[in-house]
C-alpha atoms as a PDB file:
ATOM      1  CA  UNK A   1      98.071 112.344 124.452  1.00  0.00           C
ATOM      2  CA  UNK A   2     100.938 110.414 125.652  1.00  0.00           C
ATOM      3  CA  UNK A   3      98.779 109.006 128.572  1.00  0.00           C
ATOM      4  CA  UNK A   4      96.046 108.053 126.072  1.00  0.00           C
ATOM      5  CA  UNK A   5      98.533 106.288 123.941  1.00  0.00           C
ATOM      6  CA  UNK A   6     100.036 104.185 126.782  1.00  0.00           C
ATOM      7  CA  UNK A   7      96.407 103.340 127.754  1.00  0.00           C
ATOM      8  CA  UNK A   8      95.791 102.058 124.179  1.00  0.00           C
ATOM      9  CA  UNK A   9      98.945 100.150 124.134  1.00  0.00           C
ATOM     10  CA  UNK A  10      98.264  98.498 127.314  1.00  0.00           C
ATOM     11  CA  UNK A  11      94.760  97.640 126.094  1.00  0.00           C
ATOM     12  CA  UNK A  12      95.894  95.926 122.978  1.00  0.00           C
ATOM     13  CA  UNK A  13      98.846  94.158 124.880  1.00  0.00           C
ATOM     14  CA  UNK A  14      96.512  92.562 127.296  1.00  0.00           C
ATOM     15  CA  UNK A  15      94.062  91.233 124.574  1.00  0.00           C
ATOM     16  CA  UNK A  16      95.942  91.403 121.146  1.00  0.00           C
ATOM     17  CA  UNK A  17      92.868  89.851 119.486  1.00  0.00           C
ATOM     18  CA  UNK A  18      90.501  92.527 120.413  1.00  0.00           C
ATOM     19  CA  UNK A  19      89.966  94.280 116.924  1.00  0.00           C
ATOM     20  CA  UNK A  20      87.664  97.005 118.619  1.00  0.00           C
ATOM     21  CA  UNK A  21      90.570  98.224 120.827  1.00  0.00           C
ATOM     22  CA  UNK A  22      92.811  98.297 117.784  1.00  0.00           C
ATOM     23  CA  UNK A  23      90.148 100.219 115.748  1.00  0.00           C
ATOM     24  CA  UNK A  24      89.655 102.762 118.749  1.00  0.00           C
ATOM     25  CA  UNK A  25      93.464 103.288 118.991  1.00  0.00           C
ATOM     26  CA  UNK A  26      93.476 103.859 115.221  1.00  0.00           C
ATOM     27  CA  UNK A  27      90.559 106.226 115.410  1.00  0.00           C
ATOM     28  CA  UNK A  28      92.389 108.171 118.105  1.00  0.00           C
ATOM     29  CA  UNK A  29      95.505 108.637 115.987  1.00  0.00           C
ATOM     30  CA  UNK A  30      93.423 109.554 112.894  1.00  0.00           C
ATOM     31  CA  UNK A  31      91.689 112.322 114.958  1.00  0.00           C
ATOM     32  CA  UNK A  32      94.324 113.551 117.220  1.00  0.00           C
ATOM     33  CA  UNK A  33      97.708 112.107 116.100  1.00  0.00           C
ATOM     34  CA  UNK A  34      99.894 112.175 112.946  1.00  0.00           C
ATOM     35  CA  UNK A  35     100.089 110.146 109.760  1.00  0.00           C
ATOM     36  CA  UNK A  36     103.031 108.401 111.253  1.00  0.00           C
ATOM     37  CA  UNK A  37     100.924 107.377 114.391  1.00  0.00           C
ATOM     38  CA  UNK A  38      98.202 105.958 112.046  1.00  0.00           C
ATOM     39  CA  UNK A  39     100.667 103.940 110.092  1.00  0.00           C
ATOM     40  CA  UNK A  40     102.366 102.762 113.311  1.00  0.00           C
ATOM     41  CA  UNK A  41      99.107 101.464 114.827  1.00  0.00           C
ATOM     42  CA  UNK A  42      98.176  99.740 111.338  1.00  0.00           C
ATOM     43  CA  UNK A  43     101.650  98.071 111.293  1.00  0.00           C
ATOM     44  CA  UNK A  44     101.511  96.776 114.896  1.00  0.00           C
ATOM     45  CA  UNK A  45      98.058  95.448 114.209  1.00  0.00           C
ATOM     46  CA  UNK A  46      99.156  93.530 111.106  1.00  0.00           C
ATOM     47  CA  UNK A  47     101.106  91.204 113.298  1.00  0.00           C
ATOM     48  CA  UNK A  48      98.184  89.946 115.263  1.00  0.00           C
ATOM     49  CA  UNK A  49      95.288  90.440 112.816  1.00  0.00           C
ATOM     50  CA  UNK A  50      94.489  86.835 112.275  1.00  0.00           C
ATOM     51  CA  UNK A  51      91.659  85.783 114.411  1.00  0.00           C
ATOM     52  CA  UNK A  52      90.835  89.224 115.508  1.00  0.00           C
ATOM     53  CA  UNK A  53      87.495  89.624 117.394  1.00  0.00           C
ATOM     54  CA  UNK A  54      85.126  92.336 118.770  1.00  0.00           C
ATOM     55  CA  UNK A  55      81.592  93.495 118.581  1.00  0.00           C
ATOM     56  CA  UNK A  56      82.011  95.986 115.927  1.00  0.00           C
ATOM     57  CA  UNK A  57      85.078  94.391 114.316  1.00  0.00           C
ATOM     58  CA  UNK A  58      83.249  91.159 113.583  1.00  0.00           C
ATOM     59  CA  UNK A  59      80.132  92.977 112.326  1.00  0.00           C
ATOM     60  CA  UNK A  60      82.271  94.656 109.581  1.00  0.00           C
ATOM     61  CA  UNK A  61      85.290  92.270 109.009  1.00  0.00           C
ATOM     62  CA  UNK A  62      82.934  89.235 108.516  1.00  0.00           C
ATOM     63  CA  UNK A  63      80.432  90.985 106.343  1.00  0.00           C
ATOM     64  CA  UNK A  64      79.888  90.311 102.779  1.00  0.00           C
ATOM     65  CA  UNK A  65      82.530  91.667 100.395  1.00  0.00           C
ATOM     66  CA  UNK A  66      84.994  92.002 103.108  1.00  0.00           C
ATOM     67  CA  UNK A  67      87.103  88.987 102.258  1.00  0.00           C
ATOM     68  CA  UNK A  68      90.659  89.904 101.018  1.00  0.00           C
ATOM     69  CA  UNK A  69      90.654  93.417 102.609  1.00  0.00           C
ATOM     70  CA  UNK A  70      93.712  94.405 104.179  1.00  0.00           C
ATOM     71  CA  UNK A  71      94.101  95.159 107.951  1.00  0.00           C
ATOM     72  CA  UNK A  72      94.527  98.916 107.332  1.00  0.00           C
ATOM     73  CA  UNK A  73      91.409  99.135 105.246  1.00  0.00           C
ATOM     74  CA  UNK A  74      89.454  97.192 108.075  1.00  0.00           C
ATOM     75  CA  UNK A  75      90.775  99.403 110.729  1.00  0.00           C
ATOM     76  CA  UNK A  76      89.665 102.370 108.639  1.00  0.00           C
ATOM     77  CA  UNK A  77      86.065 100.927 108.176  1.00  0.00           C
ATOM     78  CA  UNK A  78      85.870  99.850 111.866  1.00  0.00           C
ATOM     79  CA  UNK A  79      87.215 103.114 113.190  1.00  0.00           C
ATOM     80  CA  UNK A  80      84.890 104.868 111.010  1.00  0.00           C
ATOM     81  CA  UNK A  81      81.972 103.154 112.583  1.00  0.00           C
ATOM     82  CA  UNK A  82      83.144 103.912 116.125  1.00  0.00           C
ATOM     83  CA  UNK A  83      84.064 107.609 115.696  1.00  0.00           C
ATOM     84  CA  UNK A  84      81.671 110.031 117.294  1.00  0.00           C
ATOM     85  CA  UNK A  85      80.317 112.373 114.792  1.00  0.00           C
END
């Protein structure tokens, strides 16, 4: 678990504007982590959320009705789309 968290941290540190990487980390914490981990990822993401990009991120964040949605809500929607069911 710690190795995965370090990998996610490195991924978002190298390219802070990649919303897909943030959403994958968020999905990981939702599935395997704690509520604190989920909140921590959302808080870290808030500082860099402006201008976020990504294949899945753009498809959802720039969709109709998404204007004014908060970062945590967008992370939830994007991570839902990315989670394997």
